[in-house]
C-alpha cells in the first residue's frame, strides 16, 4: 500500500481538522465524548441517513456543498 497515509499522519490531519473547525477545547471535548459514548459512526450514519429519501439526501448534500465549498487542500488516500 505505497500511497496510503500512516496512522500518525491520519491522526494529525484529523486533529488539525477538528481544531480548525472547533478550536482546541471543543476538539478535546469531542474526542472525550466519542470515547466515553463508544461512538459508532457506522450506526450513527445508518440511523441518520437511512430514513432519508434519495431526493432529500441529494438536496442536503447539495446545500452542504454550497455552504462549504471545496477549497482544494485535500489529501489523496488510497
N, C-alpha and C. Protein backbone atom coordinates (compact mmCIF):
# COMPACT_ATOMS: atom_id res chain seq x y z
N UNK A 1 0.85 -1.18 0.00
CA UNK A 1 0.00 0.00 0.00
C UNK A 1 0.88 1.23 0.00
N UNK A 2 1.51 1.49 -1.09
CA UNK A 2 2.52 2.51 -1.20
C UNK A 2 2.08 3.93 -0.93
N UNK A 3 0.88 4.33 -1.30
CA UNK A 3 0.46 5.72 -1.17
C UNK A 3 -0.44 5.99 0.02
N UNK A 4 -0.66 5.01 0.89
CA UNK A 4 -1.59 5.23 2.00
C UNK A 4 -0.95 6.10 3.08
N UNK A 5 -1.79 6.82 3.78
CA UNK A 5 -1.34 7.67 4.87
C UNK A 5 -1.16 6.79 6.11
N UNK A 6 -0.07 6.98 6.83
CA UNK A 6 0.14 6.17 8.03
C UNK A 6 -0.72 6.69 9.18
N UNK A 7 -0.77 5.91 10.25
CA UNK A 7 -1.64 6.21 11.39
C UNK A 7 -1.34 7.58 12.00
N UNK A 8 -0.09 7.90 12.18
CA UNK A 8 0.29 9.19 12.77
C UNK A 8 -0.19 10.34 11.89
N UNK A 9 0.00 10.21 10.58
CA UNK A 9 -0.44 11.27 9.67
C UNK A 9 -1.95 11.46 9.69
N UNK A 10 -2.71 10.37 9.73
CA UNK A 10 -4.17 10.48 9.73
C UNK A 10 -4.66 11.08 11.04
N UNK A 11 -4.02 10.72 12.15
CA UNK A 11 -4.38 11.31 13.44
C UNK A 11 -4.06 12.81 13.45
N UNK A 12 -2.88 13.17 12.94
CA UNK A 12 -2.51 14.59 12.89
C UNK A 12 -3.48 15.37 12.00
N UNK A 13 -3.83 14.82 10.85
CA UNK A 13 -4.76 15.50 9.95
C UNK A 13 -6.13 15.65 10.59
N UNK A 14 -6.58 14.59 11.26
CA UNK A 14 -7.88 14.64 11.94
C UNK A 14 -7.90 15.69 13.04
N UNK A 15 -6.86 15.73 13.85
CA UNK A 15 -6.78 16.74 14.92
C UNK A 15 -6.71 18.14 14.34
N UNK A 16 -5.99 18.30 13.26
CA UNK A 16 -5.92 19.61 12.62
C UNK A 16 -7.30 20.05 12.16
N UNK A 17 -8.04 19.14 11.53
CA UNK A 17 -9.40 19.47 11.09
C UNK A 17 -10.29 19.85 12.27
N UNK A 18 -10.24 19.04 13.32
CA UNK A 18 -11.07 19.31 14.49
C UNK A 18 -10.73 20.65 15.14
N UNK A 19 -9.43 20.91 15.32
CA UNK A 19 -9.05 22.15 15.99
C UNK A 19 -9.33 23.38 15.13
N UNK A 20 -9.20 23.25 13.81
CA UNK A 20 -9.52 24.38 12.93
C UNK A 20 -11.01 24.69 12.96
N UNK A 21 -11.83 23.66 13.02
CA UNK A 21 -13.28 23.85 12.97
C UNK A 21 -13.86 24.16 14.34
N UNK A 22 -13.36 23.48 15.38
CA UNK A 22 -13.97 23.59 16.71
C UNK A 22 -13.16 24.39 17.71
N UNK A 23 -11.88 24.54 17.45
CA UNK A 23 -10.99 25.11 18.47
C UNK A 23 -10.47 23.97 19.34
N UNK A 24 -9.38 24.21 20.04
CA UNK A 24 -8.72 23.14 20.78
C UNK A 24 -9.59 22.58 21.91
N UNK A 25 -10.29 23.43 22.63
CA UNK A 25 -11.08 22.96 23.77
C UNK A 25 -12.24 22.08 23.29
N UNK A 26 -13.00 22.55 22.30
CA UNK A 26 -14.13 21.75 21.81
C UNK A 26 -13.66 20.52 21.05
N UNK A 27 -12.49 20.57 20.43
CA UNK A 27 -11.94 19.37 19.78
C UNK A 27 -11.66 18.30 20.84
N UNK A 28 -11.09 18.71 21.96
CA UNK A 28 -10.83 17.77 23.06
C UNK A 28 -12.14 17.25 23.64
N UNK A 29 -13.13 18.12 23.77
CA UNK A 29 -14.44 17.68 24.27
C UNK A 29 -15.06 16.66 23.32
N UNK A 30 -14.96 16.90 22.02
CA UNK A 30 -15.48 15.98 21.02
C UNK A 30 -14.85 14.61 21.18
N UNK A 31 -13.54 14.58 21.29
CA UNK A 31 -12.83 13.30 21.43
C UNK A 31 -13.26 12.59 22.70
N UNK A 32 -13.38 13.31 23.81
CA UNK A 32 -13.77 12.64 25.05
C UNK A 32 -15.19 12.10 24.97
N UNK A 33 -16.10 12.79 24.27
CA UNK A 33 -17.46 12.28 24.09
C UNK A 33 -17.44 11.01 23.25
N UNK A 34 -16.66 11.02 22.18
CA UNK A 34 -16.55 9.84 21.31
C UNK A 34 -16.05 8.64 22.10
N UNK A 35 -15.06 8.84 22.93
CA UNK A 35 -14.50 7.75 23.73
C UNK A 35 -15.51 7.30 24.79
N UNK A 36 -16.08 8.24 25.52
CA UNK A 36 -16.99 7.92 26.61
C UNK A 36 -18.25 7.21 26.12
N UNK A 37 -18.79 7.67 25.02
CA UNK A 37 -20.04 7.12 24.50
C UNK A 37 -19.81 5.90 23.61
N UNK A 38 -18.56 5.53 23.39
CA UNK A 38 -18.22 4.44 22.48
C UNK A 38 -18.96 4.61 21.16
N UNK A 39 -18.81 5.80 20.60
CA UNK A 39 -19.49 6.24 19.39
C UNK A 39 -19.19 5.31 18.23
N UNK A 40 -20.24 4.87 17.56
CA UNK A 40 -20.10 4.03 16.38
C UNK A 40 -20.60 4.83 15.18
N UNK A 41 -19.66 5.36 14.40
CA UNK A 41 -20.03 6.22 13.27
C UNK A 41 -20.94 5.51 12.28
N UNK A 42 -20.68 4.23 12.04
CA UNK A 42 -21.50 3.48 11.07
C UNK A 42 -22.95 3.40 11.55
N UNK A 43 -23.16 3.11 12.83
CA UNK A 43 -24.53 3.06 13.36
C UNK A 43 -25.18 4.44 13.29
N UNK A 44 -24.43 5.48 13.66
CA UNK A 44 -24.97 6.83 13.59
C UNK A 44 -25.36 7.17 12.17
N UNK A 45 -24.48 6.88 11.23
CA UNK A 45 -24.73 7.20 9.83
C UNK A 45 -26.00 6.49 9.35
N UNK A 46 -26.13 5.22 9.69
CA UNK A 46 -27.31 4.46 9.29
C UNK A 46 -28.57 5.08 9.88
N UNK A 47 -28.55 5.39 11.17
CA UNK A 47 -29.76 5.94 11.79
C UNK A 47 -30.07 7.34 11.25
N UNK A 48 -29.03 8.06 10.88
CA UNK A 48 -29.22 9.42 10.39
C UNK A 48 -29.69 9.46 8.94
N UNK A 49 -29.11 8.63 8.09
CA UNK A 49 -29.38 8.71 6.66
C UNK A 49 -30.37 7.68 6.12
N UNK A 50 -30.55 6.54 6.79
CA UNK A 50 -31.43 5.50 6.25
C UNK A 50 -32.87 5.97 6.09
N UNK A 51 -33.31 6.88 6.94
CA UNK A 51 -34.68 7.37 6.84
C UNK A 51 -34.90 8.43 5.78
N UNK A 52 -33.82 8.91 5.19
CA UNK A 52 -33.93 9.97 4.19
C UNK A 52 -34.21 9.39 2.81
N UNK A 53 -35.05 10.08 2.07
CA UNK A 53 -35.26 9.68 0.68
C UNK A 53 -34.01 10.08 -0.11
N UNK A 54 -33.78 9.44 -1.25
CA UNK A 54 -32.64 9.85 -2.07
C UNK A 54 -32.70 11.32 -2.46
N UNK A 55 -33.89 11.82 -2.70
CA UNK A 55 -34.05 13.23 -3.07
C UNK A 55 -33.65 14.15 -1.92
N UNK A 56 -34.10 13.81 -0.70
CA UNK A 56 -33.75 14.63 0.47
C UNK A 56 -32.25 14.58 0.74
N UNK A 57 -31.66 13.40 0.59
CA UNK A 57 -30.22 13.26 0.78
C UNK A 57 -29.47 14.12 -0.23
N UNK A 58 -29.88 14.04 -1.49
CA UNK A 58 -29.24 14.82 -2.55
C UNK A 58 -29.38 16.31 -2.28
N UNK A 59 -30.55 16.73 -1.85
CA UNK A 59 -30.78 18.15 -1.55
C UNK A 59 -29.90 18.62 -0.40
N UNK A 60 -29.81 17.80 0.66
CA UNK A 60 -28.96 18.15 1.81
C UNK A 60 -27.49 18.20 1.41
N UNK A 61 -27.07 17.26 0.57
CA UNK A 61 -25.67 17.23 0.12
C UNK A 61 -25.37 18.45 -0.74
N UNK A 62 -26.28 18.82 -1.63
CA UNK A 62 -26.07 19.98 -2.48
C UNK A 62 -26.01 21.26 -1.65
N UNK A 63 -26.88 21.38 -0.66
CA UNK A 63 -26.88 22.55 0.22
C UNK A 63 -25.58 22.63 1.01
N UNK A 64 -25.12 21.48 1.53
CA UNK A 64 -23.87 21.45 2.27
C UNK A 64 -22.71 21.88 1.38
N UNK A 65 -22.68 21.36 0.16
CA UNK A 65 -21.60 21.71 -0.77
C UNK A 65 -21.61 23.20 -1.10
N UNK A 66 -22.79 23.77 -1.20
CA UNK A 66 -22.90 25.20 -1.48
C UNK A 66 -22.40 26.03 -0.30
N UNK A 67 -22.74 25.60 0.91
CA UNK A 67 -22.34 26.33 2.11
C UNK A 67 -20.88 26.07 2.50
N UNK A 68 -20.31 24.97 2.03
CA UNK A 68 -18.94 24.58 2.38
C UNK A 68 -18.17 24.25 1.11
N UNK A 69 -17.86 25.25 0.31
CA UNK A 69 -17.19 24.95 -0.96
C UNK A 69 -15.81 24.34 -0.73
N UNK A 70 -15.46 23.43 -1.62
CA UNK A 70 -14.15 22.78 -1.56
C UNK A 70 -13.08 23.81 -1.85
N UNK A 71 -12.07 23.87 -1.00
CA UNK A 71 -11.02 24.87 -1.14
C UNK A 71 -9.73 24.30 -1.70
N UNK A 72 -9.74 23.04 -2.15
CA UNK A 72 -8.60 22.47 -2.85
C UNK A 72 -7.42 22.05 -2.02
N UNK A 73 -7.62 21.64 -0.77
CA UNK A 73 -6.48 21.23 0.05
C UNK A 73 -6.65 19.79 0.55
N UNK A 74 -7.19 18.93 -0.29
CA UNK A 74 -7.41 17.53 0.11
C UNK A 74 -6.16 16.70 -0.09
N UNK A 75 -6.09 15.62 0.68
CA UNK A 75 -5.01 14.66 0.51
C UNK A 75 -5.62 13.40 -0.09
N UNK A 76 -4.90 12.79 -1.00
CA UNK A 76 -5.36 11.56 -1.61
C UNK A 76 -5.00 10.40 -0.71
N UNK A 77 -6.00 9.59 -0.35
CA UNK A 77 -5.78 8.41 0.47
C UNK A 77 -6.21 7.21 -0.35
N UNK A 78 -5.27 6.33 -0.60
CA UNK A 78 -5.58 5.13 -1.40
C UNK A 78 -5.54 3.90 -0.55
